[in-house]
Amino acid sequence: MQKISELTGQLLLATPSLHDPSFADSVILICHHDDEGSMGLIINRPQEIKLPDVLDDLGIEQSAKTDARDEAQQRVFEGGPVDAFRGFVLHDGWHIYESTMQISEEVHLTSSRDVLEELARCEGPEHYMFILGYAGWSAGQLEQELSNNDWIIAPVSHHILFQEPPEMRWNFGARCMGINRSQLSSQIGHA
């Protein structure tokens, strides 16, 4: 099993043995993991709401150029069942804001308003995802789920986060590990 410190910045791919419907077929980026617990974001569940709608709700004035923004960048993602109205911007690592946390060399997470204001002006990070809510685990809970084979650990990449279509992220992450979904069973055992 991977060491605790090595899970931050990794992906979790839900296996068929995970019976929690909140996480079925999910791909989660682990943003923080230590001996006190874990926090991650589901990265493959786009919602009907769009980023311009969120910016309007927050009273953030938008540039006319925001309408020309790539459709993929206007999506809002469901990050998990905890605190569903808390927003996060997962972005490439060139911009640092008031509350930016480094996830990996290439990926940062920001939860402060300043990043949204830049996005509204069509400034800021080139690649990003806006996510509402998060997934959380208490101390030892994620380790237990990993020992139950509920998750596959896969490497994160700029490509899977910002270029791969959300509906293909699970398969892409699994392929990076040499795994084919059809080979998995909900009856995973322990040797």
C-alpha atoms as a PDB file:
ATOM      1  CA  MET A   1       0.000   0.000   0.000  1.00  0.00           C
ATOM      2  CA  GLN A   2       1.201   3.527  -0.704  1.00  0.00           C
ATOM      3  CA  LYS A   3       2.511   5.640   2.129  1.00  0.00           C
ATOM      4  CA  ILE A   4       0.166   8.309   3.477  1.00  0.00           C
ATOM      5  CA  SER A   5       2.339  11.169   2.246  1.00  0.00           C
ATOM      6  CA  GLU A   6       2.307   9.811  -1.296  1.00  0.00           C
ATOM      7  CA  LEU A   7      -1.487  10.000  -1.797  1.00  0.00           C
ATOM      8  CA  THR A   8      -1.694  13.787  -2.114  1.00  0.00           C
ATOM      9  CA  GLY A   9      -1.740  14.597  -5.813  1.00  0.00           C
ATOM     10  CA  GLN A  10      -2.864  11.097  -6.839  1.00  0.00           C
ATOM     11  CA  LEU A  11      -6.160  10.002  -8.388  1.00  0.00           C
ATOM     12  CA  LEU A  12      -8.583   7.526  -6.895  1.00  0.00           C
ATOM     13  CA  LEU A  13     -10.685   5.503  -9.335  1.00  0.00           C
ATOM     14  CA  ALA A  14     -13.772   3.932  -7.772  1.00  0.00           C
ATOM     15  CA  THR A  15     -13.934   0.158  -8.255  1.00  0.00           C
ATOM     16  CA  PRO A  16     -17.102  -1.949  -8.559  1.00  0.00           C
ATOM     17  CA  SER A  17     -16.573  -3.092  -4.948  1.00  0.00           C
ATOM     18  CA  LEU A  18     -17.292   0.446  -3.690  1.00  0.00           C
ATOM     19  CA  HIS A  19     -20.991   0.346  -2.866  1.00  0.00           C
ATOM     20  CA  ASP A  20     -21.492   4.009  -1.927  1.00  0.00           C
ATOM     21  CA  PRO A  21     -23.656   5.532  -4.715  1.00  0.00           C
ATOM     22  CA  SER A  22     -22.161   8.978  -4.014  1.00  0.00           C
ATOM     23  CA  PHE A  23     -18.872   7.723  -5.443  1.00  0.00           C
ATOM     24  CA  ALA A  24     -19.901   5.202  -8.123  1.00  0.00           C
ATOM     25  CA  ASP A  25     -17.610   5.495 -11.170  1.00  0.00           C
ATOM     26  CA  SER A  26     -15.923   8.554  -9.678  1.00  0.00           C
ATOM     27  CA  VAL A  27     -12.426   9.837 -10.267  1.00  0.00           C
ATOM     28  CA  ILE A  28     -11.134  11.805  -7.284  1.00  0.00           C
ATOM     29  CA  LEU A  29      -8.038  13.984  -7.068  1.00  0.00           C
ATOM     30  CA  ILE A  30      -6.607  13.735  -3.555  1.00  0.00           C
ATOM     31  CA  CYS A  31      -5.789  17.316  -2.566  1.00  0.00           C
ATOM     32  CA  HIS A  32      -4.732  16.670   1.007  1.00  0.00           C
ATOM     33  CA  HIS A  33      -3.940  13.487   2.917  1.00  0.00           C
ATOM     34  CA  ASP A  34      -2.282  13.038   6.264  1.00  0.00           C
ATOM     35  CA  ASP A  35      -2.760  11.048   9.454  1.00  0.00           C
ATOM     36  CA  GLU A  36      -5.723  13.276  10.440  1.00  0.00           C
ATOM     37  CA  GLY A  37      -7.792  12.645   7.306  1.00  0.00           C
ATOM     38  CA  SER A  38      -8.157  13.347   3.616  1.00  0.00           C
ATOM     39  CA  MET A  39      -9.809  15.780   1.228  1.00  0.00           C
ATOM     40  CA  GLY A  40     -10.375  15.247  -2.477  1.00  0.00           C
ATOM     41  CA  LEU A  41     -12.383  16.489  -5.450  1.00  0.00           C
ATOM     42  CA  ILE A  42     -14.417  14.418  -7.884  1.00  0.00           C
ATOM     43  CA  ILE A  43     -13.226  15.504 -11.333  1.00  0.00           C
ATOM     44  CA  ASN A  44     -15.556  13.604 -13.649  1.00  0.00           C
ATOM     45  CA  ARG A  45     -19.049  14.880 -12.775  1.00  0.00           C
ATOM     46  CA  PRO A  46     -19.999  18.005 -14.728  1.00  0.00           C
ATOM     47  CA  GLN A  47     -23.235  19.677 -13.632  1.00  0.00           C
ATOM     48  CA  GLU A  48     -25.919  21.582 -15.524  1.00  0.00           C
ATOM     49  CA  ILE A  49     -24.860  24.889 -13.962  1.00  0.00           C
ATOM     50  CA  LYS A  50     -22.210  26.946 -15.770  1.00  0.00           C
ATOM     51  CA  LEU A  51     -19.439  29.169 -14.398  1.00  0.00           C
ATOM     52  CA  PRO A  52     -21.025  32.429 -15.673  1.00  0.00           C
ATOM     53  CA  ASP A  53     -24.129  31.552 -13.602  1.00  0.00           C
ATOM     54  CA  VAL A  54     -21.996  31.130 -10.473  1.00  0.00           C
ATOM     55  CA  LEU A  55     -20.183  34.410 -11.144  1.00  0.00           C
ATOM     56  CA  ASP A  56     -23.565  36.166 -11.558  1.00  0.00           C
ATOM     57  CA  ASP A  57     -24.804  34.663  -8.272  1.00  0.00           C
ATOM     58  CA  LEU A  58     -21.685  35.987  -6.533  1.00  0.00           C
ATOM     59  CA  GLY A  59     -22.132  39.462  -8.043  1.00  0.00           C
ATOM     60  CA  ILE A  60     -18.845  39.263  -9.945  1.00  0.00           C
ATOM     61  CA  GLU A  61     -18.913  41.383 -13.094  1.00  0.00           C
ATOM     62  CA  GLN A  62     -17.868  39.474 -16.197  1.00  0.00           C
ATOM     63  CA  SER A  63     -16.011  40.553 -19.290  1.00  0.00           C
ATOM     64  CA  ALA A  64     -17.891  40.262 -22.581  1.00  0.00           C
ATOM     65  CA  LYS A  65     -15.151  37.806 -23.597  1.00  0.00           C
ATOM     66  CA  THR A  66     -16.385  35.205 -21.103  1.00  0.00           C
ATOM     67  CA  ASP A  67     -19.104  34.156 -23.573  1.00  0.00           C
ATOM     68  CA  ALA A  68     -16.342  33.129 -25.972  1.00  0.00           C
ATOM     69  CA  ARG A  69     -14.706  30.897 -23.354  1.00  0.00           C
ATOM     70  CA  ASP A  70     -14.361  27.236 -24.256  1.00  0.00           C
ATOM     71  CA  GLU A  71     -17.497  25.257 -23.356  1.00  0.00           C
ATOM     72  CA  ALA A  72     -15.422  22.844 -21.260  1.00  0.00           C
ATOM     73  CA  GLN A  73     -14.128  25.719 -19.111  1.00  0.00           C
ATOM     74  CA  GLN A  74     -17.651  26.965 -18.438  1.00  0.00           C
ATOM     75  CA  ARG A  75     -18.668  23.677 -16.779  1.00  0.00           C
ATOM     76  CA  VAL A  76     -19.127  23.429 -13.039  1.00  0.00           C
ATOM     77  CA  PHE A  77     -18.270  20.081 -11.470  1.00  0.00           C
ATOM     78  CA  GLU A  78     -19.719  18.276  -8.461  1.00  0.00           C
ATOM     79  CA  GLY A  79     -16.680  17.779  -6.237  1.00  0.00           C
ATOM     80  CA  GLY A  80     -18.315  15.585  -3.632  1.00  0.00           C
ATOM     81  CA  PRO A  81     -21.080  15.332  -1.066  1.00  0.00           C
ATOM     82  CA  VAL A  82     -19.500  17.587   1.584  1.00  0.00           C
ATOM     83  CA  ASP A  83     -20.301  21.337   1.650  1.00  0.00           C
ATOM     84  CA  ALA A  84     -21.917  21.369  -1.803  1.00  0.00           C
ATOM     85  CA  PHE A  85     -21.932  25.184  -2.032  1.00  0.00           C
ATOM     86  CA  ARG A  86     -18.229  25.659  -1.289  1.00  0.00           C
ATOM     87  CA  GLY A  87     -16.320  26.442  -4.469  1.00  0.00           C
ATOM     88  CA  PHE A  88     -12.830  25.506  -5.551  1.00  0.00           C
ATOM     89  CA  VAL A  89     -10.812  26.313  -8.643  1.00  0.00           C
ATOM     90  CA  LEU A  90      -8.439  23.542  -9.645  1.00  0.00           C
ATOM     91  CA  HIS A  91      -5.880  25.110 -11.984  1.00  0.00           C
ATOM     92  CA  ASP A  92      -2.467  24.884 -13.549  1.00  0.00           C
ATOM     93  CA  GLY A  93       0.389  26.166 -11.451  1.00  0.00           C
ATOM     94  CA  TRP A  94       1.372  29.511 -12.928  1.00  0.00           C
ATOM     95  CA  HIS A  95      -0.925  31.717 -10.812  1.00  0.00           C
ATOM     96  CA  ILE A  96      -0.892  31.957  -7.031  1.00  0.00           C
ATOM     97  CA  TYR A  97      -3.770  33.564  -5.129  1.00  0.00           C
ATOM     98  CA  GLU A  98      -4.734  34.430  -1.561  1.00  0.00           C
ATOM     99  CA  SER A  99      -5.679  30.851  -0.660  1.00  0.00           C
ATOM    100  CA  THR A 100      -3.774  28.732  -3.163  1.00  0.00           C
ATOM    101  CA  MET A 101      -2.641  25.272  -2.120  1.00  0.00           C
ATOM    102  CA  GLN A 102      -0.124  23.324  -4.209  1.00  0.00           C
ATOM    103  CA  ILE A 103      -1.343  19.810  -5.033  1.00  0.00           C
ATOM    104  CA  SER A 104       1.510  18.831  -7.352  1.00  0.00           C
ATOM    105  CA  GLU A 105       4.126  20.575  -9.444  1.00  0.00           C
ATOM    106  CA  GLU A 106       1.559  21.265 -12.180  1.00  0.00           C
ATOM    107  CA  VAL A 107      -1.681  21.581 -10.207  1.00  0.00           C
ATOM    108  CA  HIS A 108      -2.933  24.052  -7.612  1.00  0.00           C
ATOM    109  CA  LEU A 109      -6.209  24.519  -5.759  1.00  0.00           C
ATOM    110  CA  THR A 110      -7.630  27.933  -4.868  1.00  0.00           C
ATOM    111  CA  SER A 111     -10.760  28.730  -2.895  1.00  0.00           C
ATOM    112  CA  SER A 112     -10.572  32.531  -2.646  1.00  0.00           C
ATOM    113  CA  ARG A 113     -12.656  35.050  -4.574  1.00  0.00           C
ATOM    114  CA  ASP A 114      -9.631  36.634  -6.297  1.00  0.00           C
ATOM    115  CA  VAL A 115      -9.242  33.725  -8.736  1.00  0.00           C
ATOM    116  CA  LEU A 116     -12.932  33.985  -9.714  1.00  0.00           C
ATOM    117  CA  GLU A 117     -12.555  37.709 -10.328  1.00  0.00           C
ATOM    118  CA  GLU A 118      -9.642  37.040 -12.682  1.00  0.00           C
ATOM    119  CA  LEU A 119     -11.570  34.310 -14.493  1.00  0.00           C
ATOM    120  CA  ALA A 120     -14.484  36.737 -14.905  1.00  0.00           C
ATOM    121  CA  ARG A 121     -12.088  39.135 -16.665  1.00  0.00           C
ATOM    122  CA  CYS A 122     -10.761  36.262 -18.831  1.00  0.00           C
ATOM    123  CA  GLU A 123      -7.448  36.462 -17.018  1.00  0.00           C
ATOM    124  CA  GLY A 124      -5.753  34.055 -14.660  1.00  0.00           C
ATOM    125  CA  PRO A 125      -5.019  30.390 -15.255  1.00  0.00           C
ATOM    126  CA  GLU A 126      -5.221  29.035 -18.774  1.00  0.00           C
ATOM    127  CA  HIS A 127      -6.453  25.628 -17.617  1.00  0.00           C
ATOM    128  CA  TYR A 128      -8.887  25.276 -14.739  1.00  0.00           C
ATOM    129  CA  MET A 129     -11.974  23.528 -13.389  1.00  0.00           C
ATOM    130  CA  PHE A 130     -14.566  25.122 -11.104  1.00  0.00           C
ATOM    131  CA  ILE A 131     -15.806  22.598  -8.546  1.00  0.00           C
ATOM    132  CA  LEU A 132     -18.552  22.782  -5.912  1.00  0.00           C
ATOM    133  CA  GLY A 133     -18.294  20.538  -2.851  1.00  0.00           C
ATOM    134  CA  TYR A 134     -15.653  18.013  -1.903  1.00  0.00           C
ATOM    135  CA  ALA A 135     -15.086  14.498  -0.605  1.00  0.00           C
ATOM    136  CA  GLY A 136     -13.683  14.009   2.879  1.00  0.00           C
ATOM    137  CA  TRP A 137     -12.418  11.088   4.932  1.00  0.00           C
ATOM    138  CA  SER A 138     -11.711  10.939   8.653  1.00  0.00           C
ATOM    139  CA  ALA A 139      -8.419   9.606  10.013  1.00  0.00           C
ATOM    140  CA  GLY A 140      -7.790   6.084   8.715  1.00  0.00           C
ATOM    141  CA  GLN A 141     -11.025   5.923   6.687  1.00  0.00           C
ATOM    142  CA  LEU A 142      -9.380   6.205   3.270  1.00  0.00           C
ATOM    143  CA  GLU A 143      -6.717   3.677   4.225  1.00  0.00           C
ATOM    144  CA  GLN A 144      -9.485   1.248   5.185  1.00  0.00           C
ATOM    145  CA  GLU A 145     -11.270   1.811   1.856  1.00  0.00           C
ATOM    146  CA  LEU A 146      -7.987   1.222   0.025  1.00  0.00           C
ATOM    147  CA  SER A 147      -7.423  -2.037   1.913  1.00  0.00           C
ATOM    148  CA  ASN A 148     -10.996  -3.056   0.934  1.00  0.00           C
ATOM    149  CA  ASN A 149     -10.004  -2.527  -2.728  1.00  0.00           C
ATOM    150  CA  ASP A 150     -12.649   0.194  -3.118  1.00  0.00           C
ATOM    151  CA  TRP A 151     -10.215   2.433  -5.008  1.00  0.00           C
ATOM    152  CA  ILE A 152      -7.458   2.141  -7.591  1.00  0.00           C
ATOM    153  CA  ILE A 153      -4.644   4.662  -7.157  1.00  0.00           C
ATOM    154  CA  ALA A 154      -3.577   6.281 -10.437  1.00  0.00           C
ATOM    155  CA  PRO A 155      -1.176   9.099 -11.314  1.00  0.00           C
ATOM    156  CA  VAL A 156      -2.547  12.552 -12.034  1.00  0.00           C
ATOM    157  CA  SER A 157      -1.587  14.450 -15.169  1.00  0.00           C
ATOM    158  CA  HIS A 158      -2.361  17.804 -16.705  1.00  0.00           C
ATOM    159  CA  HIS A 159      -3.976  15.918 -19.587  1.00  0.00           C
ATOM    160  CA  ILE A 160      -6.492  13.954 -17.502  1.00  0.00           C
ATOM    161  CA  LEU A 161      -7.526  17.049 -15.528  1.00  0.00           C
ATOM    162  CA  PHE A 162      -7.784  19.639 -18.257  1.00  0.00           C
ATOM    163  CA  GLN A 163      -7.971  17.917 -21.647  1.00  0.00           C
ATOM    164  CA  GLU A 164      -9.573  14.497 -21.297  1.00  0.00           C
ATOM    165  CA  PRO A 165     -13.402  14.660 -21.510  1.00  0.00           C
ATOM    166  CA  PRO A 166     -14.927  14.045 -18.040  1.00  0.00           C
ATOM    167  CA  GLU A 167     -16.761  10.901 -19.155  1.00  0.00           C
ATOM    168  CA  MET A 168     -13.429   9.384 -20.283  1.00  0.00           C
ATOM    169  CA  ARG A 169     -11.338  10.222 -17.192  1.00  0.00           C
ATOM    170  CA  TRP A 170     -11.973   6.935 -15.362  1.00  0.00           C
ATOM    171  CA  ASN A 171     -10.977   4.856 -18.391  1.00  0.00           C
ATOM    172  CA  PHE A 172      -7.952   7.060 -19.108  1.00  0.00           C
ATOM    173  CA  GLY A 173      -6.706   6.794 -15.508  1.00  0.00           C
ATOM    174  CA  ALA A 174      -7.226   3.019 -15.532  1.00  0.00           C
ATOM    175  CA  ARG A 175      -5.387   2.631 -18.862  1.00  0.00           C
ATOM    176  CA  CYS A 176      -2.429   4.518 -17.355  1.00  0.00           C
ATOM    177  CA  MET A 177      -2.315   1.737 -14.762  1.00  0.00           C
ATOM    178  CA  GLY A 178      -2.724  -1.045 -17.352  1.00  0.00           C
ATOM    179  CA  ILE A 179      -6.262  -1.802 -16.128  1.00  0.00           C
ATOM    180  CA  ASN A 180      -9.333  -2.529 -18.211  1.00  0.00           C
ATOM    181  CA  ARG A 181     -12.685  -1.890 -16.484  1.00  0.00           C
ATOM    182  CA  SER A 182     -14.126  -5.137 -17.888  1.00  0.00           C
ATOM    183  CA  GLN A 183     -11.483  -7.070 -15.934  1.00  0.00           C
ATOM    184  CA  LEU A 184     -12.680  -5.705 -12.581  1.00  0.00           C
ATOM    185  CA  SER A 185     -15.171  -7.486 -10.384  1.00  0.00           C
ATOM    186  CA  SER A 186     -17.170  -6.397  -7.375  1.00  0.00           C
ATOM    187  CA  GLN A 187     -15.880  -9.604  -5.745  1.00  0.00           C
ATOM    188  CA  ILE A 188     -12.273  -8.472  -5.220  1.00  0.00           C
ATOM    189  CA  GLY A 189     -10.555 -10.604  -2.600  1.00  0.00           C
ATOM    190  CA  HIS A 190      -7.448 -10.470  -0.480  1.00  0.00           C
ATOM    191  CA  ALA A 191      -4.499 -12.783  -0.854  1.00  0.00           C
END
